[in-house]
């Protein structure tokens, strides 16, 4: 059996993150979380996610868009260059809060993400989207990323 796929959820709603942690780990995924854009940008190189589930509105109204921008537009010398093609699912309530429709911009230069799902969402719906997107990604990102030292105080499973 190959390596388990790593999911990283970036959302300031701790209860939602905990629900998705239960659902995703039950499905066999490794699950990591960050609760702000700043925390996410620190953890992404540490985790090496295969897929990111990203909220937009966290510490401010555009936090999630900043994460996408850092990952997608950093260039080859960016510390995030190796994560530029990691699939991103935006899971957010930004449309209901701003009355702006972003779903028709998915995959464009304006919104270079793989899917845009409006909250609330049923776990089965997001799992189906995760499975469909990861079925198109040939290997776990963790195997493409060099091992990073664990953060002090956290245990990290070493690749086989």
N, C-alpha and C. Protein backbone atom coordinates (compact mmCIF):
# COMPACT_ATOMS: atom_id res chain seq x y z
N UNK A 1 0.84 -1.18 0.00
CA UNK A 1 0.00 0.00 0.00
C UNK A 1 0.88 1.24 0.00
N UNK A 2 0.51 2.27 -0.79
CA UNK A 2 1.28 3.49 -0.88
C UNK A 2 1.03 4.39 0.31
N UNK A 3 1.65 5.55 0.24
CA UNK A 3 1.45 6.52 1.31
C UNK A 3 0.02 7.05 1.30
N UNK A 4 -0.47 7.34 2.49
CA UNK A 4 -1.79 7.95 2.59
C UNK A 4 -1.71 9.38 2.09
N UNK A 5 -2.77 9.83 1.46
CA UNK A 5 -2.83 11.20 0.97
C UNK A 5 -3.02 12.16 2.13
N UNK A 6 -2.34 13.30 2.04
CA UNK A 6 -2.39 14.31 3.10
C UNK A 6 -3.31 15.46 2.69
N UNK A 7 -4.26 15.73 3.56
CA UNK A 7 -5.16 16.86 3.37
C UNK A 7 -4.83 17.92 4.40
N UNK A 8 -4.90 19.17 3.97
CA UNK A 8 -4.72 20.28 4.92
C UNK A 8 -5.94 21.18 4.80
N UNK A 9 -6.61 21.38 5.93
CA UNK A 9 -7.76 22.27 5.96
C UNK A 9 -7.35 23.55 6.66
N UNK A 10 -7.65 24.67 5.99
CA UNK A 10 -7.31 25.98 6.52
C UNK A 10 -8.63 26.72 6.74
N UNK A 11 -9.04 26.82 7.99
CA UNK A 11 -10.32 27.41 8.32
C UNK A 11 -10.30 27.83 9.78
N UNK A 12 -10.86 28.98 10.08
CA UNK A 12 -10.87 29.46 11.46
C UNK A 12 -12.02 28.88 12.29
N UNK A 13 -12.90 28.11 11.67
CA UNK A 13 -14.00 27.46 12.39
C UNK A 13 -13.51 26.12 12.94
N UNK A 14 -13.12 26.13 14.19
CA UNK A 14 -12.52 24.94 14.82
C UNK A 14 -13.49 23.76 14.81
N UNK A 15 -14.78 24.01 15.03
CA UNK A 15 -15.75 22.92 15.03
C UNK A 15 -15.86 22.27 13.66
N UNK A 16 -15.89 23.08 12.61
CA UNK A 16 -15.94 22.54 11.25
C UNK A 16 -14.68 21.73 10.94
N UNK A 17 -13.54 22.24 11.33
CA UNK A 17 -12.28 21.53 11.11
C UNK A 17 -12.32 20.18 11.83
N UNK A 18 -12.83 20.14 13.05
CA UNK A 18 -12.89 18.88 13.80
C UNK A 18 -13.82 17.87 13.14
N UNK A 19 -14.94 18.33 12.60
CA UNK A 19 -15.85 17.44 11.88
C UNK A 19 -15.15 16.85 10.66
N UNK A 20 -14.50 17.71 9.90
CA UNK A 20 -13.81 17.23 8.70
C UNK A 20 -12.62 16.34 9.05
N UNK A 21 -11.97 16.61 10.17
CA UNK A 21 -10.87 15.73 10.62
C UNK A 21 -11.41 14.31 10.82
N UNK A 22 -12.54 14.18 11.51
CA UNK A 22 -13.14 12.87 11.76
C UNK A 22 -13.52 12.16 10.45
N UNK A 23 -14.18 12.90 9.58
CA UNK A 23 -14.66 12.33 8.32
C UNK A 23 -13.49 11.92 7.42
N UNK A 24 -12.51 12.78 7.31
CA UNK A 24 -11.39 12.52 6.40
C UNK A 24 -10.46 11.43 6.92
N UNK A 25 -10.21 11.39 8.22
CA UNK A 25 -9.37 10.32 8.75
C UNK A 25 -10.09 8.97 8.68
N UNK A 26 -11.41 8.98 8.86
CA UNK A 26 -12.18 7.73 8.71
C UNK A 26 -12.08 7.21 7.29
N UNK A 27 -11.92 8.09 6.34
CA UNK A 27 -11.80 7.71 4.93
C UNK A 27 -10.36 7.28 4.58
N UNK A 28 -9.43 7.45 5.53
CA UNK A 28 -8.06 6.99 5.31
C UNK A 28 -7.06 8.08 4.96
N UNK A 29 -7.48 9.32 5.00
CA UNK A 29 -6.57 10.43 4.71
C UNK A 29 -5.83 10.85 5.96
N UNK A 30 -4.60 11.35 5.79
CA UNK A 30 -3.93 12.06 6.87
C UNK A 30 -4.50 13.46 6.86
N UNK A 31 -4.74 14.04 8.02
CA UNK A 31 -5.41 15.34 8.10
C UNK A 31 -4.60 16.30 8.95
N UNK A 32 -4.39 17.48 8.41
CA UNK A 32 -3.67 18.55 9.10
C UNK A 32 -4.53 19.79 9.03
N UNK A 33 -4.36 20.69 9.99
CA UNK A 33 -5.19 21.90 10.00
C UNK A 33 -4.36 23.12 10.35
N UNK A 34 -4.84 24.25 9.85
CA UNK A 34 -4.35 25.57 10.23
C UNK A 34 -5.59 26.44 10.37
N UNK A 35 -5.53 27.43 11.25
CA UNK A 35 -6.71 28.23 11.53
C UNK A 35 -6.61 29.68 11.07
N UNK A 36 -5.57 29.99 10.31
CA UNK A 36 -5.41 31.33 9.73
C UNK A 36 -4.51 31.21 8.51
N UNK A 37 -4.51 32.24 7.69
CA UNK A 37 -3.63 32.26 6.52
C UNK A 37 -2.17 32.23 6.94
N UNK A 38 -1.84 33.01 7.95
CA UNK A 38 -0.45 33.06 8.42
C UNK A 38 0.02 31.69 8.92
N UNK A 39 -0.80 31.03 9.71
CA UNK A 39 -0.45 29.70 10.21
C UNK A 39 -0.32 28.71 9.06
N UNK A 40 -1.21 28.82 8.09
CA UNK A 40 -1.17 27.91 6.93
C UNK A 40 0.14 28.06 6.15
N UNK A 41 0.55 29.29 5.92
CA UNK A 41 1.78 29.51 5.15
C UNK A 41 3.02 29.02 5.89
N UNK A 42 2.94 28.96 7.20
CA UNK A 42 4.04 28.35 7.98
C UNK A 42 4.00 26.83 7.88
N UNK A 43 2.79 26.24 7.93
CA UNK A 43 2.65 24.78 8.01
C UNK A 43 2.73 24.07 6.66
N UNK A 44 2.38 24.72 5.58
CA UNK A 44 2.34 24.04 4.28
C UNK A 44 3.68 23.36 3.96
N UNK A 45 4.82 24.04 4.09
CA UNK A 45 6.09 23.35 3.81
C UNK A 45 6.37 22.19 4.77
N UNK A 46 5.88 22.31 5.99
CA UNK A 46 6.05 21.26 7.00
C UNK A 46 5.24 20.02 6.66
N UNK A 47 4.01 20.23 6.20
CA UNK A 47 3.05 19.15 5.96
C UNK A 47 3.23 18.52 4.58
N UNK A 48 3.46 19.33 3.56
CA UNK A 48 3.52 18.81 2.19
C UNK A 48 2.18 18.21 1.77
N UNK A 49 1.09 19.01 1.81
CA UNK A 49 -0.23 18.44 1.53
C UNK A 49 -0.41 18.02 0.08
N UNK A 50 -1.26 17.02 -0.12
CA UNK A 50 -1.67 16.58 -1.46
C UNK A 50 -2.85 17.40 -1.96
N UNK A 51 -3.61 17.98 -1.02
CA UNK A 51 -4.77 18.78 -1.36
C UNK A 51 -5.05 19.72 -0.19
N UNK A 52 -5.47 20.94 -0.53
CA UNK A 52 -5.78 21.94 0.49
C UNK A 52 -7.26 22.30 0.39
N UNK A 53 -7.91 22.34 1.55
CA UNK A 53 -9.29 22.80 1.68
C UNK A 53 -9.18 24.16 2.38
N UNK A 54 -9.64 25.20 1.71
CA UNK A 54 -9.30 26.56 2.13
C UNK A 54 -10.53 27.45 2.26
N UNK A 55 -10.66 28.07 3.42
CA UNK A 55 -11.68 29.09 3.62
C UNK A 55 -11.13 30.41 3.09
N UNK A 56 -11.99 31.36 2.80
CA UNK A 56 -11.55 32.69 2.36
C UNK A 56 -11.50 33.64 3.54
N UNK A 57 -12.62 33.76 4.25
CA UNK A 57 -12.73 34.76 5.32
C UNK A 57 -12.26 34.13 6.63
N UNK A 58 -11.08 34.58 7.07
CA UNK A 58 -10.55 34.11 8.35
C UNK A 58 -10.16 35.33 9.16
N UNK A 59 -8.87 35.63 9.25
CA UNK A 59 -8.47 36.80 10.02
C UNK A 59 -8.88 38.11 9.34
N UNK A 60 -9.20 38.05 8.08
CA UNK A 60 -9.79 39.19 7.36
C UNK A 60 -10.53 38.64 6.15
N UNK A 61 -11.15 39.52 5.37
CA UNK A 61 -12.02 39.09 4.27
C UNK A 61 -11.29 38.47 3.10
N UNK A 62 -9.98 38.62 3.01
CA UNK A 62 -9.24 38.11 1.85
C UNK A 62 -8.11 37.15 2.23
N UNK A 63 -8.11 36.64 3.43
CA UNK A 63 -7.02 35.78 3.91
C UNK A 63 -6.81 34.57 3.01
N UNK A 64 -7.87 33.90 2.64
CA UNK A 64 -7.75 32.72 1.78
C UNK A 64 -7.22 33.07 0.40
N UNK A 65 -7.62 34.21 -0.14
CA UNK A 65 -7.10 34.64 -1.43
C UNK A 65 -5.60 34.89 -1.36
N UNK A 66 -5.11 35.38 -0.22
CA UNK A 66 -3.66 35.59 -0.05
C UNK A 66 -2.92 34.25 -0.09
N UNK A 67 -3.49 33.24 0.54
CA UNK A 67 -2.86 31.91 0.52
C UNK A 67 -2.76 31.41 -0.92
N UNK A 68 -3.84 31.51 -1.67
CA UNK A 68 -3.84 31.08 -3.07
C UNK A 68 -2.78 31.84 -3.85
N UNK A 69 -2.72 33.14 -3.64
CA UNK A 69 -1.76 33.96 -4.35
C UNK A 69 -0.32 33.55 -4.04
N UNK A 70 -0.03 33.31 -2.78
CA UNK A 70 1.33 32.87 -2.40
C UNK A 70 1.69 31.54 -3.05
N UNK A 71 0.73 30.61 -3.07
CA UNK A 71 1.01 29.28 -3.61
C UNK A 71 1.10 29.29 -5.13
N UNK A 72 0.24 30.02 -5.79
CA UNK A 72 0.15 29.95 -7.25
C UNK A 72 1.06 30.93 -7.98
N UNK A 73 1.34 32.06 -7.37
CA UNK A 73 2.05 33.11 -8.11
C UNK A 73 3.46 33.37 -7.59
N UNK A 74 3.98 32.47 -6.79
CA UNK A 74 5.27 32.71 -6.17
C UNK A 74 6.48 32.63 -7.08
N UNK A 75 6.39 31.90 -8.17
CA UNK A 75 7.52 31.75 -9.07
C UNK A 75 8.47 30.65 -8.61
N UNK A 76 9.44 30.29 -9.47
CA UNK A 76 10.31 29.15 -9.18
C UNK A 76 11.23 29.34 -7.97
N UNK A 77 11.49 30.57 -7.58
CA UNK A 77 12.37 30.81 -6.43
C UNK A 77 11.61 31.01 -5.12
N UNK A 78 10.30 30.94 -5.19
CA UNK A 78 9.47 31.10 -4.00
C UNK A 78 9.62 29.89 -3.09
N UNK A 79 9.47 30.10 -1.81
CA UNK A 79 9.51 28.96 -0.88
C UNK A 79 8.31 28.04 -1.07
N UNK A 80 7.30 28.50 -1.83
CA UNK A 80 6.12 27.70 -2.09
C UNK A 80 6.09 27.12 -3.51
N UNK A 81 7.18 27.23 -4.26
CA UNK A 81 7.21 26.79 -5.66
C UNK A 81 6.78 25.33 -5.81
N UNK A 82 7.21 24.47 -4.92
CA UNK A 82 6.86 23.05 -5.06
C UNK A 82 5.40 22.74 -4.74
N UNK A 83 4.68 23.74 -4.22
CA UNK A 83 3.27 23.54 -3.88
C UNK A 83 2.34 24.26 -4.87
N UNK A 84 2.90 24.82 -5.92
CA UNK A 84 2.13 25.62 -6.88
C UNK A 84 1.02 24.82 -7.56
N UNK A 85 1.20 23.52 -7.68
CA UNK A 85 0.20 22.69 -8.37
C UNK A 85 -0.63 21.84 -7.41
N UNK A 86 -0.46 22.03 -6.12
CA UNK A 86 -1.28 21.29 -5.15
C UNK A 86 -2.73 21.73 -5.34
N UNK A 87 -3.64 20.78 -5.53
CA UNK A 87 -5.05 21.15 -5.71
C UNK A 87 -5.60 21.89 -4.50
N UNK A 88 -6.44 22.88 -4.79
CA UNK A 88 -7.07 23.67 -3.73
C UNK A 88 -8.59 23.66 -3.95
N UNK A 89 -9.30 23.30 -2.88
CA UNK A 89 -10.76 23.42 -2.85
C UNK A 89 -11.07 24.59 -1.93
N UNK A 90 -11.72 25.62 -2.47
CA UNK A 90 -12.19 26.71 -1.61
C UNK A 90 -13.54 26.31 -1.05
N UNK A 91 -13.61 26.26 0.26
CA UNK A 91 -14.84 25.93 0.98
C UNK A 91 -15.16 27.14 1.84
N UNK A 92 -16.14 27.93 1.44
CA UNK A 92 -16.30 29.23 2.06
C UNK A 92 -17.74 29.73 2.02
N UNK A 93 -17.99 30.73 2.80
CA UNK A 93 -19.29 31.42 2.77
C UNK A 93 -19.13 32.83 2.23
N UNK A 94 -18.05 33.08 1.51
CA UNK A 94 -17.77 34.43 1.02
C UNK A 94 -18.88 34.95 0.12
N UNK A 95 -19.50 34.10 -0.68
CA UNK A 95 -20.56 34.55 -1.58
C UNK A 95 -21.76 35.08 -0.79
N UNK A 96 -22.17 34.35 0.23
CA UNK A 96 -23.32 34.80 1.02
C UNK A 96 -23.01 36.06 1.82
N UNK A 97 -21.75 36.26 2.18
CA UNK A 97 -21.39 37.44 2.98
C UNK A 97 -21.11 38.67 2.13
N UNK A 98 -20.65 38.47 0.90
CA UNK A 98 -20.29 39.61 0.05
C UNK A 98 -21.26 39.82 -1.11
N UNK A 99 -22.09 38.82 -1.39
CA UNK A 99 -23.01 38.83 -2.53
C UNK A 99 -22.27 38.88 -3.87
N UNK A 100 -21.03 38.44 -3.87
CA UNK A 100 -20.26 38.32 -5.11
C UNK A 100 -20.15 36.85 -5.46
N UNK A 101 -20.32 36.50 -6.71
CA UNK A 101 -20.26 35.11 -7.14
C UNK A 101 -18.86 34.81 -7.69
N UNK A 102 -18.16 33.91 -7.02
CA UNK A 102 -16.81 33.55 -7.44
C UNK A 102 -16.77 32.23 -8.20
N UNK A 103 -17.82 31.43 -8.13
CA UNK A 103 -17.77 30.08 -8.68
C UNK A 103 -17.50 30.05 -10.18
N UNK A 104 -17.92 31.08 -10.92
CA UNK A 104 -17.66 31.09 -12.37
C UNK A 104 -16.23 31.51 -12.70
N UNK A 105 -15.44 31.83 -11.69
CA UNK A 105 -14.04 32.24 -11.91
C UNK A 105 -13.05 31.13 -11.55
N UNK A 106 -13.54 29.99 -11.11
CA UNK A 106 -12.67 28.87 -10.73
C UNK A 106 -11.80 28.46 -11.91
N UNK A 107 -10.51 28.30 -11.62
CA UNK A 107 -9.57 27.86 -12.65
C UNK A 107 -9.03 28.98 -13.53
N UNK A 108 -9.46 30.21 -13.28
CA UNK A 108 -8.95 31.34 -14.05
C UNK A 108 -7.79 31.98 -13.29
N UNK A 109 -7.13 32.94 -13.93
CA UNK A 109 -6.04 33.66 -13.27
C UNK A 109 -6.55 34.41 -12.04
N UNK A 110 -7.81 34.82 -12.06
CA UNK A 110 -8.38 35.52 -10.92
C UNK A 110 -8.59 34.60 -9.71
N UNK A 111 -8.96 33.35 -9.97
CA UNK A 111 -9.21 32.39 -8.90
C UNK A 111 -8.64 31.03 -9.30
N UNK A 112 -7.31 30.88 -9.19
CA UNK A 112 -6.67 29.64 -9.65
C UNK A 112 -6.78 28.49 -8.65
N UNK A 113 -8.02 28.06 -8.41
CA UNK A 113 -8.28 26.93 -7.54
C UNK A 113 -8.97 25.84 -8.36
N UNK A 114 -9.07 24.65 -7.78
CA UNK A 114 -9.64 23.51 -8.50
C UNK A 114 -11.14 23.35 -8.31
N UNK A 115 -11.65 23.88 -7.20
CA UNK A 115 -13.08 23.80 -6.94
C UNK A 115 -13.46 24.90 -5.95
N UNK A 116 -14.70 25.31 -6.03
CA UNK A 116 -15.23 26.35 -5.14
C UNK A 116 -16.56 25.83 -4.62
N UNK A 117 -16.63 25.61 -3.32
CA UNK A 117 -17.84 25.06 -2.71
C UNK A 117 -18.31 26.02 -1.63
N UNK A 118 -19.58 26.35 -1.70
CA UNK A 118 -20.17 27.30 -0.76
C UNK A 118 -20.61 26.55 0.50
N UNK A 119 -20.30 27.11 1.68
CA UNK A 119 -20.79 26.59 2.95
C UNK A 119 -22.27 26.96 3.08
N UNK A 120 -23.04 26.18 3.78
CA UNK A 120 -22.72 24.89 4.39
C UNK A 120 -22.64 23.78 3.35
N UNK A 121 -21.90 22.74 3.69
CA UNK A 121 -21.71 21.61 2.78
C UNK A 121 -21.79 20.31 3.58
N UNK A 122 -22.31 19.29 2.96
CA UNK A 122 -22.35 17.97 3.60
C UNK A 122 -20.98 17.32 3.43
N UNK A 123 -20.50 16.63 4.45
CA UNK A 123 -19.20 15.97 4.35
C UNK A 123 -19.09 15.04 3.13
N UNK A 124 -20.17 14.34 2.80
CA UNK A 124 -20.12 13.43 1.64
C UNK A 124 -19.83 14.19 0.35
N UNK A 125 -20.35 15.41 0.24
CA UNK A 125 -20.12 16.20 -0.96
C UNK A 125 -18.65 16.60 -1.09
N UNK A 126 -18.06 17.03 0.00
CA UNK A 126 -16.65 17.44 -0.07
C UNK A 126 -15.75 16.22 -0.25
N UNK A 127 -16.10 15.09 0.38
CA UNK A 127 -15.30 13.88 0.19
C UNK A 127 -15.33 13.42 -1.27
N UNK A 128 -16.48 13.52 -1.90
CA UNK A 128 -16.58 13.15 -3.32
C UNK A 128 -15.69 14.05 -4.17
N UNK A 129 -15.67 15.33 -3.86
CA UNK A 129 -14.83 16.27 -4.60
C UNK A 129 -13.35 15.99 -4.35
N UNK A 130 -12.99 15.72 -3.10
CA UNK A 130 -11.60 15.39 -2.77
C UNK A 130 -11.16 14.15 -3.54
N UNK A 131 -11.98 13.10 -3.48
CA UNK A 131 -11.66 11.85 -4.19
C UNK A 131 -11.49 12.07 -5.68
N UNK A 132 -12.40 12.85 -6.28
CA UNK A 132 -12.34 13.10 -7.73
C UNK A 132 -11.08 13.86 -8.10
N UNK A 133 -10.73 14.86 -7.33
CA UNK A 133 -9.53 15.65 -7.64
C UNK A 133 -8.27 14.82 -7.43
N UNK A 134 -8.19 14.09 -6.32
CA UNK A 134 -6.98 13.31 -6.05
C UNK A 134 -6.82 12.13 -7.01
N UNK A 135 -7.91 11.66 -7.58
CA UNK A 135 -7.82 10.59 -8.57
C UNK A 135 -7.04 11.04 -9.80
N UNK A 136 -6.96 12.34 -10.01
CA UNK A 136 -6.24 12.89 -11.15
C UNK A 136 -4.78 13.24 -10.82
N UNK A 137 -4.40 13.12 -9.53
CA UNK A 137 -3.03 13.44 -9.10
C UNK A 137 -2.29 12.12 -8.94
N UNK A 138 -1.19 11.91 -9.69
CA UNK A 138 -0.57 10.59 -9.77
C UNK A 138 0.08 10.05 -8.50
N UNK A 139 0.64 10.90 -7.65
CA UNK A 139 1.34 10.39 -6.48
C UNK A 139 1.18 11.36 -5.33
N UNK A 140 1.32 10.86 -4.11
CA UNK A 140 1.23 11.77 -2.96
C UNK A 140 2.32 12.83 -3.01
N UNK A 141 1.94 14.06 -2.69
CA UNK A 141 2.89 15.17 -2.68
C UNK A 141 3.98 14.94 -1.65
N UNK A 142 3.65 14.25 -0.57
CA UNK A 142 4.63 14.03 0.49
C UNK A 142 5.85 13.29 -0.05
N UNK A 143 5.66 12.44 -1.04
CA UNK A 143 6.80 11.72 -1.59
C UNK A 143 7.62 12.59 -2.52
N UNK A 144 7.05 13.71 -2.99
CA UNK A 144 7.78 14.63 -3.84
C UNK A 144 8.50 15.70 -3.04
N UNK A 145 8.13 15.86 -1.78
CA UNK A 145 8.70 16.90 -0.94
C UNK A 145 9.81 16.31 -0.07
N UNK A 146 10.89 17.06 0.09
CA UNK A 146 11.91 16.55 1.01
C UNK A 146 11.36 16.52 2.43
N UNK A 147 11.86 15.58 3.19
CA UNK A 147 11.40 15.49 4.58
C UNK A 147 11.81 16.76 5.31
N UNK A 148 10.92 17.26 6.13
CA UNK A 148 11.23 18.44 6.93
C UNK A 148 11.29 18.00 8.38
N UNK A 149 12.15 18.65 9.14
CA UNK A 149 12.22 18.26 10.54
C UNK A 149 10.91 18.57 11.24
N UNK A 150 10.51 17.74 12.19
CA UNK A 150 9.26 17.98 12.89
C UNK A 150 9.34 19.25 13.72
N UNK A 151 8.20 19.88 13.92
CA UNK A 151 8.12 21.03 14.79
C UNK A 151 8.30 20.54 16.22
N UNK A 152 9.08 21.25 17.03
CA UNK A 152 9.25 20.81 18.42
C UNK A 152 7.90 20.60 19.10
N UNK A 153 7.79 19.49 19.82
CA UNK A 153 6.57 19.18 20.54
C UNK A 153 5.55 18.41 19.72
N UNK A 154 5.84 18.15 18.45
CA UNK A 154 4.90 17.39 17.60
C UNK A 154 5.60 16.16 17.06
N UNK A 155 4.87 15.08 17.05
CA UNK A 155 5.40 13.85 16.46
C UNK A 155 5.05 13.83 15.00
N UNK A 156 5.97 13.40 14.19
CA UNK A 156 5.71 13.32 12.75
C UNK A 156 6.09 11.93 12.26
N UNK A 157 5.19 11.32 11.53
CA UNK A 157 5.46 10.00 10.99
C UNK A 157 6.48 10.13 9.87
N UNK A 158 7.50 9.31 9.91
CA UNK A 158 8.51 9.34 8.85
C UNK A 158 8.06 8.48 7.70
N UNK A 159 8.34 8.92 6.45
CA UNK A 159 7.99 8.10 5.30
C UNK A 159 8.77 6.79 5.31
N UNK A 160 8.19 5.71 4.75
CA UNK A 160 8.88 4.42 4.77
C UNK A 160 10.11 4.43 3.88
